[in-house]
N, C-alpha and C. Protein backbone atom coordinates (compact mmCIF):
# COMPACT_ATOMS: atom_id res chain seq x y z
N UNK A 1 53.03 -52.96 109.43
CA UNK A 1 53.76 -52.29 108.32
C UNK A 1 52.61 -51.01 108.12
N UNK A 2 53.96 -49.77 108.04
CA UNK A 2 53.37 -48.70 107.87
C UNK A 2 53.13 -48.79 106.36
N UNK A 3 52.02 -47.88 105.88
CA UNK A 3 51.61 -47.43 104.27
C UNK A 3 53.06 -46.30 103.66
N UNK A 4 53.11 -46.72 102.52
CA UNK A 4 53.98 -45.56 102.01
C UNK A 4 53.53 -44.78 101.09
N UNK A 5 53.66 -43.25 101.37
CA UNK A 5 52.86 -42.40 100.59
C UNK A 5 53.34 -42.45 99.33
N UNK A 6 52.69 -42.63 98.16
CA UNK A 6 52.70 -42.53 97.10
C UNK A 6 53.62 -41.05 96.61
N UNK A 7 54.56 -41.46 95.69
CA UNK A 7 55.70 -40.22 95.27
C UNK A 7 55.71 -40.11 93.62
N UNK A 8 55.80 -38.88 93.43
CA UNK A 8 55.94 -38.75 92.11
C UNK A 8 57.56 -38.68 91.67
N UNK A 9 57.67 -38.55 90.39
CA UNK A 9 59.01 -38.71 89.96
C UNK A 9 59.93 -37.84 90.17
N UNK A 10 59.50 -36.79 90.40
CA UNK A 10 60.30 -35.32 90.96
C UNK A 10 60.18 -35.15 91.83
N UNK A 11 60.48 -36.32 92.83
CA UNK A 11 60.45 -35.74 94.78
C UNK A 11 61.94 -35.18 95.22
N UNK A 12 62.01 -34.33 95.84
CA UNK A 12 63.10 -34.25 96.37
C UNK A 12 62.87 -33.65 97.82
N UNK A 13 63.96 -34.06 99.02
CA UNK A 13 63.86 -33.36 99.91
C UNK A 13 64.11 -32.33 100.42
N UNK A 14 63.39 -31.93 101.84
CA UNK A 14 63.53 -30.92 102.31
C UNK A 14 63.45 -30.90 103.50
N UNK A 15 63.31 -29.38 104.44
CA UNK A 15 62.91 -29.86 105.88
C UNK A 15 62.84 -28.05 106.35
N UNK A 16 61.85 -28.36 107.80
CA UNK A 16 61.91 -26.76 108.14
C UNK A 16 62.85 -27.15 109.25
N UNK A 17 63.52 -26.18 109.80
CA UNK A 17 64.28 -26.26 111.15
C UNK A 17 63.69 -25.52 112.22
N UNK A 18 63.47 -25.52 113.40
CA UNK A 18 63.26 -24.51 114.04
C UNK A 18 64.47 -24.67 115.47
N UNK A 19 64.58 -23.42 115.38
CA UNK A 19 66.09 -22.99 115.88
C UNK A 19 65.37 -21.94 117.28
N UNK A 20 65.19 -22.78 118.61
CA UNK A 20 64.92 -22.42 119.91
C UNK A 20 66.21 -21.68 120.54
N UNK A 21 66.43 -20.53 121.15
CA UNK A 21 67.63 -20.08 121.75
C UNK A 21 67.73 -20.82 122.90
N UNK A 22 66.50 -21.21 123.58
CA UNK A 22 66.67 -22.03 124.98
C UNK A 22 66.89 -23.44 124.95
N UNK A 23 66.96 -24.00 123.65
CA UNK A 23 67.25 -25.62 123.38
C UNK A 23 68.73 -26.05 123.00
N UNK A 24 69.57 -26.58 123.10
CA UNK A 24 70.63 -27.08 122.67
C UNK A 24 70.96 -27.67 121.08
N UNK A 25 69.54 -28.47 120.85
CA UNK A 25 69.65 -28.93 119.44
C UNK A 25 68.52 -28.19 118.43
N UNK A 26 68.80 -27.73 117.35
CA UNK A 26 67.44 -27.23 116.52
C UNK A 26 66.66 -28.36 116.32
N UNK A 27 65.27 -28.39 116.23
CA UNK A 27 64.36 -29.27 115.93
C UNK A 27 64.27 -29.44 114.27
N UNK A 28 64.38 -30.40 113.59
CA UNK A 28 64.33 -30.43 112.17
C UNK A 28 63.20 -31.47 112.03
N UNK A 29 62.36 -31.08 111.11
CA UNK A 29 61.24 -31.49 110.46
C UNK A 29 61.46 -31.85 108.73
N UNK A 30 61.52 -33.30 108.59
CA UNK A 30 62.19 -33.66 107.20
C UNK A 30 60.88 -33.79 106.40
N UNK A 31 61.11 -33.50 105.08
CA UNK A 31 59.62 -33.77 104.28
C UNK A 31 60.15 -33.93 102.63
N UNK A 32 59.13 -34.50 102.02
CA UNK A 32 59.18 -34.48 100.95
C UNK A 32 58.48 -33.69 99.82
N UNK A 33 58.89 -33.37 98.63
CA UNK A 33 58.14 -32.34 98.06
C UNK A 33 58.56 -32.13 96.44
N UNK A 34 57.60 -31.72 95.86
CA UNK A 34 57.41 -31.98 94.40
C UNK A 34 57.64 -30.31 94.08
N UNK A 35 59.27 -30.04 93.65
CA UNK A 35 59.52 -28.68 93.17
C UNK A 35 58.67 -28.19 92.34
N UNK A 36 57.51 -29.18 91.29
CA UNK A 36 56.89 -28.36 90.65
C UNK A 36 55.55 -27.59 91.09
N UNK A 37 55.47 -27.87 92.46
CA UNK A 37 54.09 -27.50 93.38
C UNK A 37 54.74 -26.52 93.98
N UNK A 38 55.86 -25.96 94.09
CA UNK A 38 56.16 -24.85 94.94
C UNK A 38 56.16 -23.61 94.22
N UNK A 39 55.33 -22.75 94.69
CA UNK A 39 54.62 -21.39 94.43
C UNK A 39 55.40 -20.28 94.82
N UNK A 40 55.94 -19.30 94.16
CA UNK A 40 56.38 -18.11 95.29
C UNK A 40 55.69 -16.88 94.61
N UNK A 41 55.33 -15.96 95.48
CA UNK A 41 54.73 -14.82 95.04
C UNK A 41 55.55 -13.73 95.80
N UNK A 42 55.88 -12.75 94.61
CA UNK A 42 56.54 -11.46 95.26
C UNK A 42 55.61 -10.01 95.10
N UNK A 43 55.50 -9.25 96.43
CA UNK A 43 54.70 -8.24 96.45
C UNK A 43 55.89 -6.82 96.43
N UNK A 44 56.11 -6.04 95.71
CA UNK A 44 57.10 -4.96 96.14
C UNK A 44 56.19 -4.15 96.78
N UNK A 45 57.31 -3.48 97.30
CA UNK A 45 56.66 -2.45 98.63
C UNK A 45 57.05 -0.95 98.23
N UNK A 46 56.08 -0.20 97.59
CA UNK A 46 56.09 1.27 96.79
C UNK A 46 55.67 1.93 97.37
N UNK A 47 55.93 3.13 96.86
CA UNK A 47 55.51 4.52 97.12
C UNK A 47 55.45 5.51 96.11
N UNK A 48 54.61 6.84 96.00
CA UNK A 48 54.86 7.67 94.81
C UNK A 48 54.55 7.02 93.60
N UNK A 49 54.49 8.00 92.40
CA UNK A 49 54.23 7.63 91.06
C UNK A 49 52.83 6.67 90.76
N UNK A 50 52.00 7.36 91.82
CA UNK A 50 50.30 6.50 91.86
C UNK A 50 50.02 6.50 90.23
N UNK A 51 48.80 5.75 90.01
CA UNK A 51 48.52 5.75 88.66
C UNK A 51 48.28 6.89 88.28
N UNK A 52 48.85 7.52 87.06
CA UNK A 52 48.63 8.72 86.27
C UNK A 52 49.67 9.53 87.15
N UNK A 53 50.32 9.62 87.74
CA UNK A 53 50.42 10.66 88.65
C UNK A 53 52.10 10.50 88.40
N UNK A 54 52.79 11.82 87.14
CA UNK A 54 53.93 11.38 86.56
C UNK A 54 54.80 12.32 87.53
N UNK A 55 54.16 13.23 88.16
CA UNK A 55 55.20 14.20 89.14
C UNK A 55 56.05 13.72 90.00
N UNK A 56 55.66 12.46 90.46
CA UNK A 56 56.97 11.67 91.80
C UNK A 56 57.39 10.37 91.01
N UNK A 57 58.82 10.42 91.27
CA UNK A 57 58.87 9.09 90.85
C UNK A 57 58.91 7.92 91.98
N UNK A 58 58.63 6.93 91.45
CA UNK A 58 58.80 5.52 92.09
C UNK A 58 59.50 5.26 92.98
N UNK A 59 59.22 4.73 94.49
CA UNK A 59 60.22 4.59 95.58
C UNK A 59 59.89 3.40 96.09
N UNK A 60 60.95 2.68 96.39
CA UNK A 60 60.78 1.44 97.52
C UNK A 60 60.34 1.88 98.92
N UNK A 61 59.37 1.21 99.63
CA UNK A 61 59.40 2.17 100.92
C UNK A 61 59.69 0.95 101.56
N UNK A 62 60.08 -0.50 101.47
CA UNK A 62 60.62 -1.56 102.24
C UNK A 62 61.08 -2.55 101.23
N UNK A 63 61.73 -3.77 101.61
CA UNK A 63 61.98 -5.00 101.18
C UNK A 63 60.62 -5.52 100.59
N UNK A 64 60.81 -6.36 99.42
CA UNK A 64 59.94 -7.14 98.84
C UNK A 64 59.30 -8.16 100.10
N UNK A 65 57.85 -8.42 99.91
CA UNK A 65 57.53 -9.10 100.40
C UNK A 65 57.21 -10.71 99.70
N UNK A 66 57.91 -11.74 100.06
CA UNK A 66 57.74 -12.89 99.45
C UNK A 66 57.25 -13.77 100.18
N UNK A 67 56.02 -14.60 99.63
CA UNK A 67 55.36 -15.77 100.02
C UNK A 67 55.89 -17.12 99.61
N UNK A 68 56.19 -18.09 100.04
CA UNK A 68 56.23 -19.40 99.63
C UNK A 68 55.16 -20.17 99.76
N UNK A 69 54.23 -20.82 98.64
CA UNK A 69 53.32 -21.72 99.13
C UNK A 69 53.77 -23.25 98.49
N UNK A 70 53.74 -24.17 99.26
CA UNK A 70 54.61 -25.53 98.99
C UNK A 70 53.71 -26.36 99.48
N UNK A 71 53.34 -27.82 99.10
CA UNK A 71 52.81 -29.10 99.41
C UNK A 71 53.70 -29.62 99.85
N UNK A 72 53.94 -30.67 101.01
CA UNK A 72 54.79 -31.80 101.01
C UNK A 72 54.46 -32.89 101.88
N UNK A 73 55.20 -33.43 101.41
CA UNK A 73 54.83 -35.07 102.03
C UNK A 73 55.66 -35.22 103.34
N UNK A 74 54.64 -36.11 104.11
CA UNK A 74 55.31 -36.76 105.57
C UNK A 74 55.22 -38.08 105.62
N UNK A 75 56.04 -38.83 105.59
CA UNK A 75 56.02 -40.12 105.30
C UNK A 75 56.39 -41.15 106.58
N UNK A 76 55.81 -41.89 107.55
CA UNK A 76 56.14 -42.60 108.45
C UNK A 76 57.25 -43.59 108.14
N UNK A 77 57.13 -43.74 106.93
CA UNK A 77 58.50 -45.22 106.75
C UNK A 77 59.79 -44.63 106.34
N UNK A 78 59.61 -43.20 106.57
CA UNK A 78 61.14 -42.16 106.68
C UNK A 78 61.76 -42.30 108.39
N UNK A 79 60.79 -42.84 108.99
CA UNK A 79 61.10 -42.79 110.31
C UNK A 79 61.23 -43.93 111.01
N UNK A 80 61.79 -45.21 110.17
CA UNK A 80 61.41 -46.71 110.77
C UNK A 80 62.86 -46.42 111.35
N UNK A 81 63.81 -46.17 111.35
CA UNK A 81 65.03 -46.33 112.15
C UNK A 81 65.00 -46.08 113.58
N UNK A 82 64.02 -44.81 113.77
CA UNK A 82 63.91 -44.53 115.12
C UNK A 82 62.67 -45.32 115.65
N UNK A 83 62.98 -46.44 116.79
CA UNK A 83 62.06 -47.00 116.98
C UNK A 83 60.66 -46.84 118.03
N UNK A 84 60.94 -45.40 118.45
CA UNK A 84 59.95 -44.87 119.30
C UNK A 84 59.05 -44.15 118.27
N UNK A 85 59.66 -43.40 117.41
CA UNK A 85 58.90 -42.75 116.17
C UNK A 85 57.99 -43.78 115.73
N UNK A 86 58.79 -44.64 115.45
CA UNK A 86 57.99 -45.75 114.52
C UNK A 86 56.58 -46.23 114.95
N UNK A 87 56.69 -46.43 116.15
CA UNK A 87 55.40 -47.08 116.90
C UNK A 87 54.16 -45.77 117.28
N UNK A 88 54.76 -44.49 116.73
CA UNK A 88 53.80 -43.26 117.01
C UNK A 88 53.04 -42.86 115.49
N UNK A 89 53.88 -43.41 114.04
CA UNK A 89 53.43 -42.97 113.13
C UNK A 89 54.12 -41.68 112.78
N UNK A 90 53.27 -40.70 112.22
CA UNK A 90 53.55 -39.22 111.95
C UNK A 90 53.31 -38.46 113.21
N UNK A 91 52.80 -38.53 114.17
CA UNK A 91 52.53 -38.06 115.24
C UNK A 91 53.47 -37.09 115.59
N UNK A 92 54.62 -37.41 115.95
CA UNK A 92 55.58 -36.69 116.30
C UNK A 92 55.64 -35.31 115.27
N UNK A 93 56.26 -35.77 114.14
CA UNK A 93 56.58 -34.75 113.42
C UNK A 93 55.04 -33.61 112.78
N UNK A 94 53.70 -34.42 113.25
CA UNK A 94 53.01 -33.71 113.01
C UNK A 94 52.62 -32.49 114.34
N UNK A 95 53.06 -33.34 115.61
CA UNK A 95 53.10 -32.44 116.59
C UNK A 95 54.14 -31.15 116.40
N UNK A 96 54.95 -31.46 116.02
CA UNK A 96 56.21 -30.60 115.66
C UNK A 96 55.72 -29.53 114.97
N UNK A 97 55.19 -29.65 114.05
CA UNK A 97 54.77 -28.55 113.14
C UNK A 97 53.49 -27.85 113.75
N UNK A 98 52.79 -28.37 114.68
CA UNK A 98 51.84 -27.79 115.57
C UNK A 98 52.51 -26.69 116.12
N UNK A 99 53.49 -27.08 116.97
CA UNK A 99 53.89 -26.22 118.09
C UNK A 99 54.79 -25.08 117.07
N UNK A 100 55.16 -25.22 116.19
CA UNK A 100 55.45 -23.98 115.71
C UNK A 100 54.60 -22.89 115.85
N UNK A 101 53.63 -22.86 115.52
CA UNK A 101 52.45 -21.76 116.23
C UNK A 101 52.30 -21.63 117.52
N UNK A 102 52.64 -22.51 118.28
CA UNK A 102 51.95 -22.49 119.70
C UNK A 102 53.43 -21.89 120.52
N UNK A 103 53.14 -21.25 121.67
CA UNK A 103 54.23 -20.84 122.25
C UNK A 103 54.42 -22.35 123.45
N UNK A 104 55.73 -22.07 123.78
CA UNK A 104 55.89 -23.48 124.62
C UNK A 104 55.51 -23.49 126.09
N UNK A 105 55.03 -24.44 126.53
CA UNK A 105 54.20 -24.68 127.77
C UNK A 105 55.24 -24.05 128.92
N UNK A 106 56.51 -24.06 128.80
CA UNK A 106 57.49 -23.44 129.77
C UNK A 106 57.06 -22.33 129.77
N UNK A 107 57.25 -21.76 129.01
CA UNK A 107 56.92 -19.93 128.88
C UNK A 107 55.74 -19.32 129.15
N UNK A 108 54.77 -20.48 129.71
CA UNK A 108 53.49 -19.71 130.54
C UNK A 108 52.47 -19.29 129.22
N UNK A 109 51.53 -18.70 129.52
CA UNK A 109 50.35 -18.33 128.75
C UNK A 109 51.10 -16.92 128.09
N UNK A 110 50.25 -16.57 127.17
CA UNK A 110 50.31 -15.06 126.57
C UNK A 110 49.65 -14.13 127.48
N UNK A 111 50.01 -13.19 127.54
CA UNK A 111 49.38 -11.93 128.33
C UNK A 111 49.98 -10.98 127.78
N UNK A 112 50.30 -9.90 128.75
CA UNK A 112 50.55 -8.49 128.16
C UNK A 112 51.71 -8.53 127.40
N UNK A 113 52.51 -9.47 127.61
CA UNK A 113 53.78 -9.29 126.82
C UNK A 113 53.84 -10.64 125.80
N UNK A 114 53.46 -10.38 124.51
CA UNK A 114 53.56 -11.53 123.61
C UNK A 114 55.30 -12.26 123.90
N UNK A 115 54.94 -13.44 123.35
CA UNK A 115 55.97 -14.28 123.71
C UNK A 115 56.84 -14.72 122.45
N UNK A 116 58.04 -14.55 122.36
CA UNK A 116 58.93 -14.78 121.34
C UNK A 116 58.63 -15.95 120.61
N UNK A 117 58.56 -15.98 119.29
CA UNK A 117 58.43 -17.12 118.33
C UNK A 117 59.56 -17.63 118.05
N UNK A 118 59.79 -19.07 117.89
CA UNK A 118 61.22 -19.76 117.64
C UNK A 118 61.67 -19.15 116.32
N UNK A 119 62.85 -19.57 116.04
CA UNK A 119 63.21 -19.00 114.64
C UNK A 119 63.22 -20.09 113.48
N UNK A 120 62.78 -19.81 112.56
CA UNK A 120 62.33 -21.11 111.19
C UNK A 120 63.08 -20.95 110.24
N UNK A 121 63.54 -21.97 109.90
CA UNK A 121 64.41 -22.00 108.59
C UNK A 121 63.85 -23.08 107.53
N UNK A 122 63.65 -22.76 106.43
CA UNK A 122 63.12 -23.32 105.11
C UNK A 122 64.21 -23.86 104.29
N UNK A 123 64.21 -24.90 103.98
CA UNK A 123 65.29 -25.75 103.21
C UNK A 123 64.75 -26.37 102.20
N UNK A 124 65.03 -26.41 101.37
CA UNK A 124 64.55 -27.06 100.02
C UNK A 124 65.34 -27.40 98.90
N UNK A 125 65.69 -28.63 98.53
CA UNK A 125 66.73 -28.89 97.70
C UNK A 125 68.10 -28.61 98.16
N UNK A 126 68.90 -28.05 97.29
CA UNK A 126 70.34 -27.77 97.58
C UNK A 126 70.25 -26.42 97.92
N UNK A 127 69.41 -25.81 97.65
CA UNK A 127 69.27 -24.11 98.26
C UNK A 127 69.46 -23.93 99.43
N UNK A 128 70.14 -23.19 100.38
CA UNK A 128 70.49 -22.65 101.52
C UNK A 128 69.15 -22.30 102.02
N UNK A 129 69.57 -22.31 103.42
CA UNK A 129 67.95 -22.18 104.07
C UNK A 129 67.68 -20.60 104.13
N UNK A 130 66.35 -20.62 104.31
CA UNK A 130 65.82 -19.21 104.16
C UNK A 130 65.16 -19.12 105.26
N UNK A 131 65.24 -17.63 106.22
CA UNK A 131 64.38 -17.69 107.29
C UNK A 131 63.09 -17.48 107.16
N UNK A 132 62.08 -17.75 107.51
CA UNK A 132 60.66 -17.87 106.97
C UNK A 132 59.78 -17.58 108.60
N UNK A 133 58.52 -17.28 108.11
CA UNK A 133 57.37 -16.93 109.40
C UNK A 133 56.11 -17.71 108.84
N UNK A 134 56.24 -18.98 109.62
CA UNK A 134 54.74 -19.79 109.10
C UNK A 134 53.77 -19.00 109.33
N UNK A 135 52.89 -18.59 108.12
CA UNK A 135 51.42 -17.93 107.95
C UNK A 135 50.46 -18.88 108.27
N UNK A 136 50.44 -20.01 107.81
CA UNK A 136 49.22 -20.91 107.59
C UNK A 136 49.84 -22.39 107.07
N UNK A 137 49.13 -23.15 107.86
CA UNK A 137 49.42 -24.46 107.38
C UNK A 137 47.89 -25.75 107.35
N UNK A 138 47.71 -26.32 106.23
CA UNK A 138 46.87 -27.18 106.30
C UNK A 138 47.48 -28.66 106.55
N UNK A 139 47.11 -29.68 107.30
CA UNK A 139 46.88 -31.14 107.08
C UNK A 139 46.16 -32.06 106.37
N UNK A 140 46.08 -32.97 105.82
CA UNK A 140 45.35 -33.87 105.08
C UNK A 140 46.39 -35.37 105.51
N UNK A 141 45.69 -36.17 106.38
CA UNK A 141 46.28 -37.23 106.90
C UNK A 141 45.55 -38.40 105.96
N UNK A 142 46.69 -38.56 105.14
CA UNK A 142 46.13 -39.68 104.14
C UNK A 142 46.00 -41.29 104.27
N UNK A 143 46.86 -42.00 105.25
CA UNK A 143 46.81 -43.19 105.42
C UNK A 143 47.46 -43.60 106.80
N UNK A 144 46.77 -44.54 107.51
CA UNK A 144 46.87 -44.88 109.29
C UNK A 144 47.85 -46.38 109.23
N UNK A 145 48.29 -46.61 110.23
CA UNK A 145 48.53 -47.80 110.57
C UNK A 145 47.60 -48.53 111.53
N UNK A 146 47.89 -49.74 111.93
CA UNK A 146 46.48 -50.49 112.80
C UNK A 146 46.21 -49.98 113.88
N UNK A 147 46.99 -48.89 114.58
CA UNK A 147 47.03 -47.96 115.57
C UNK A 147 46.04 -46.83 115.43
N UNK A 148 45.74 -46.34 113.95
CA UNK A 148 45.44 -45.46 113.58
C UNK A 148 46.17 -43.97 113.84
N UNK A 149 47.50 -44.13 113.90
CA UNK A 149 48.07 -43.19 113.88
C UNK A 149 48.60 -42.89 112.43
N UNK A 150 48.78 -41.99 112.12
CA UNK A 150 48.83 -41.10 110.51
C UNK A 150 49.90 -42.02 109.76
N UNK A 151 50.15 -42.34 108.91
CA UNK A 151 51.29 -42.93 108.17
C UNK A 151 51.68 -42.16 107.28
N UNK A 152 50.93 -41.23 106.58
CA UNK A 152 51.21 -40.42 105.56
C UNK A 152 50.51 -39.29 105.85
N UNK A 153 50.75 -38.22 105.24
CA UNK A 153 50.44 -36.64 105.32
C UNK A 153 50.85 -35.82 104.44
N UNK A 154 49.92 -34.85 103.41
CA UNK A 154 49.83 -33.78 102.84
C UNK A 154 50.01 -32.43 103.27
N UNK A 155 51.02 -31.82 103.64
CA UNK A 155 50.83 -30.65 104.34
C UNK A 155 50.98 -29.23 103.68
N UNK A 156 50.13 -28.67 103.59
CA UNK A 156 50.22 -27.54 102.63
C UNK A 156 50.85 -26.06 103.41
N UNK A 157 51.82 -25.37 103.22
CA UNK A 157 52.57 -24.78 104.20
C UNK A 157 52.43 -23.30 103.01
N UNK A 158 52.19 -22.35 103.88
CA UNK A 158 52.30 -20.92 103.42
C UNK A 158 53.16 -20.16 104.02
N UNK A 159 54.57 -19.72 103.74
CA UNK A 159 55.54 -19.19 104.69
C UNK A 159 55.76 -17.45 104.18
N UNK A 160 56.19 -16.67 104.69
CA UNK A 160 56.48 -15.54 104.54
C UNK A 160 58.12 -15.48 104.57
N UNK A 161 59.03 -15.13 103.78
CA UNK A 161 60.16 -14.95 103.75
C UNK A 161 60.48 -13.94 104.74
N UNK A 162 61.55 -13.96 105.62
CA UNK A 162 61.96 -12.73 106.33
C UNK A 162 63.18 -12.02 105.92
N UNK A 163 62.82 -11.03 105.72
CA UNK A 163 63.84 -9.92 104.71
C UNK A 163 64.91 -9.47 106.16
N UNK A 164 65.92 -8.58 105.47
CA UNK A 164 66.70 -7.70 106.18
C UNK A 164 65.97 -6.80 107.04
N UNK A 165 65.08 -6.32 107.08
CA UNK A 165 64.18 -5.31 107.51
C UNK A 165 63.15 -5.95 108.87
N UNK A 166 63.03 -7.99 108.35
CA UNK A 166 62.44 -8.42 109.37
C UNK A 166 63.18 -8.65 110.68
N UNK A 167 64.53 -8.65 110.27
CA UNK A 167 65.52 -9.37 110.86
C UNK A 167 66.73 -8.66 111.71
N UNK A 168 66.85 -9.32 113.09
CA UNK A 168 68.19 -8.41 113.74
C UNK A 168 69.18 -8.52 113.00
N UNK A 169 70.09 -7.65 112.99
CA UNK A 169 71.21 -8.00 112.07
C UNK A 169 72.59 -8.44 112.28
N UNK A 170 72.40 -8.72 114.03
CA UNK A 170 73.20 -9.67 114.70
C UNK A 170 72.99 -10.95 114.75
N UNK A 171 71.60 -11.30 114.21
CA UNK A 171 71.40 -13.00 114.21
C UNK A 171 71.84 -13.51 112.78
N UNK A 172 71.66 -14.87 113.17
CA UNK A 172 72.27 -16.11 112.21
C UNK A 172 71.21 -15.94 111.17
N UNK A 173 70.10 -15.60 111.34
CA UNK A 173 69.24 -15.87 110.19
C UNK A 173 69.03 -14.74 109.19
N UNK A 174 69.63 -13.47 109.83
CA UNK A 174 69.90 -12.26 109.14
C UNK A 174 71.12 -12.72 108.11
N UNK A 175 72.16 -13.30 108.61
CA UNK A 175 73.27 -13.78 107.45
C UNK A 175 72.47 -14.61 106.46
N UNK A 176 71.67 -15.29 107.04
CA UNK A 176 71.42 -16.22 105.83
C UNK A 176 70.53 -15.78 104.81
N UNK A 177 69.64 -14.50 105.45
CA UNK A 177 68.79 -13.99 104.27
C UNK A 177 70.08 -13.25 103.17
N UNK A 178 70.64 -12.83 103.88
CA UNK A 178 71.92 -11.63 102.98
C UNK A 178 72.80 -12.69 102.15
N UNK A 179 72.83 -13.90 102.88
CA UNK A 179 73.47 -15.12 101.67
C UNK A 179 72.61 -15.33 100.39
N UNK A 180 71.50 -15.39 101.07
CA UNK A 180 70.63 -15.72 99.74
C UNK A 180 70.47 -14.51 98.70
N UNK A 181 70.41 -13.35 99.25
CA UNK A 181 70.08 -12.35 98.52
C UNK A 181 71.35 -11.99 97.44
N UNK A 182 72.65 -12.03 98.25
CA UNK A 182 73.67 -12.11 97.46
C UNK A 182 73.83 -13.19 96.40
N UNK A 183 73.33 -13.79 96.54
CA UNK A 183 73.60 -15.27 95.41
C UNK A 183 72.21 -15.09 94.73
N UNK A 184 71.12 -14.64 94.65
CA UNK A 184 70.54 -14.04 93.58
C UNK A 184 71.31 -13.06 92.54
N UNK A 185 71.90 -12.14 93.12
CA UNK A 185 72.65 -11.10 92.65
C UNK A 185 74.02 -11.55 91.69
N UNK A 186 74.32 -12.81 92.28
CA UNK A 186 75.76 -13.02 91.65
C UNK A 186 75.30 -14.21 90.58
N UNK A 187 73.95 -14.76 90.51
CA UNK A 187 73.49 -15.37 89.31
C UNK A 187 73.03 -14.61 88.27
N UNK A 188 72.29 -13.31 88.61
CA UNK A 188 72.15 -12.25 87.55
C UNK A 188 73.43 -11.89 86.65
N UNK A 189 74.33 -11.58 87.86
CA UNK A 189 75.47 -11.18 87.36
C UNK A 189 76.17 -12.40 86.30
N UNK A 190 76.23 -13.56 86.79
CA UNK A 190 76.90 -14.75 85.95
C UNK A 190 75.66 -14.83 84.41
N UNK A 191 74.48 -14.57 84.73
CA UNK A 191 73.98 -14.83 83.37
C UNK A 191 73.87 -13.84 82.43
N UNK A 192 74.65 -12.72 82.52
CA UNK A 192 74.73 -11.55 81.58
C UNK A 192 75.78 -11.89 80.43
N UNK A 193 75.00 -11.47 79.15
CA UNK A 193 75.97 -11.85 78.50
C UNK A 193 77.10 -10.93 78.52
N UNK A 194 78.33 -11.57 77.95
CA UNK A 194 79.52 -10.73 77.60
C UNK A 194 79.65 -9.54 77.07
N UNK A 195 80.28 -8.64 77.36
CA UNK A 195 80.46 -6.90 76.57
C UNK A 195 80.98 -7.02 75.75
N UNK A 196 80.83 -6.69 74.67
CA UNK A 196 81.88 -6.93 73.17
C UNK A 196 82.77 -5.81 73.22
């Protein structure tokens, strides 16, 4: 029997979805997370109007850089219906996470031409997917089964949200980002008080 991870009261489901153009199905890494542990950092890209310089207006030089920090929980009891995965504990999910930042062995080794990274979508709660780039992650394995396979792990992820300047305008993740931005704009308009 695998150990169950302790879960707080406000735990939601989320996932990282890895989309590789060379594979028929995306790889989904499900997780649980406490939304109060999610942190977003926004850094505007501006120029002009340096401190004290009023001769030039401040201008946006690029899209906002948004970073998401989140602590997620992986629990082997969530994979019990898959008999193959159950015998390995969390090793398949942890391997899938690690492979997000490694080139596939079929692509060969990194040489003169950098290898293409897979497209990654971050899905949390009911929010639609956001295209992201995994910047950093740390894994803490908490409990183990009788074969010393990890049964519970806490993973701290740092991701940069990819925006319209990072993405190819014909790609699906570009459309996902535009939908996210349009949703933010719609929420802002809906929250305005009615005009008198």
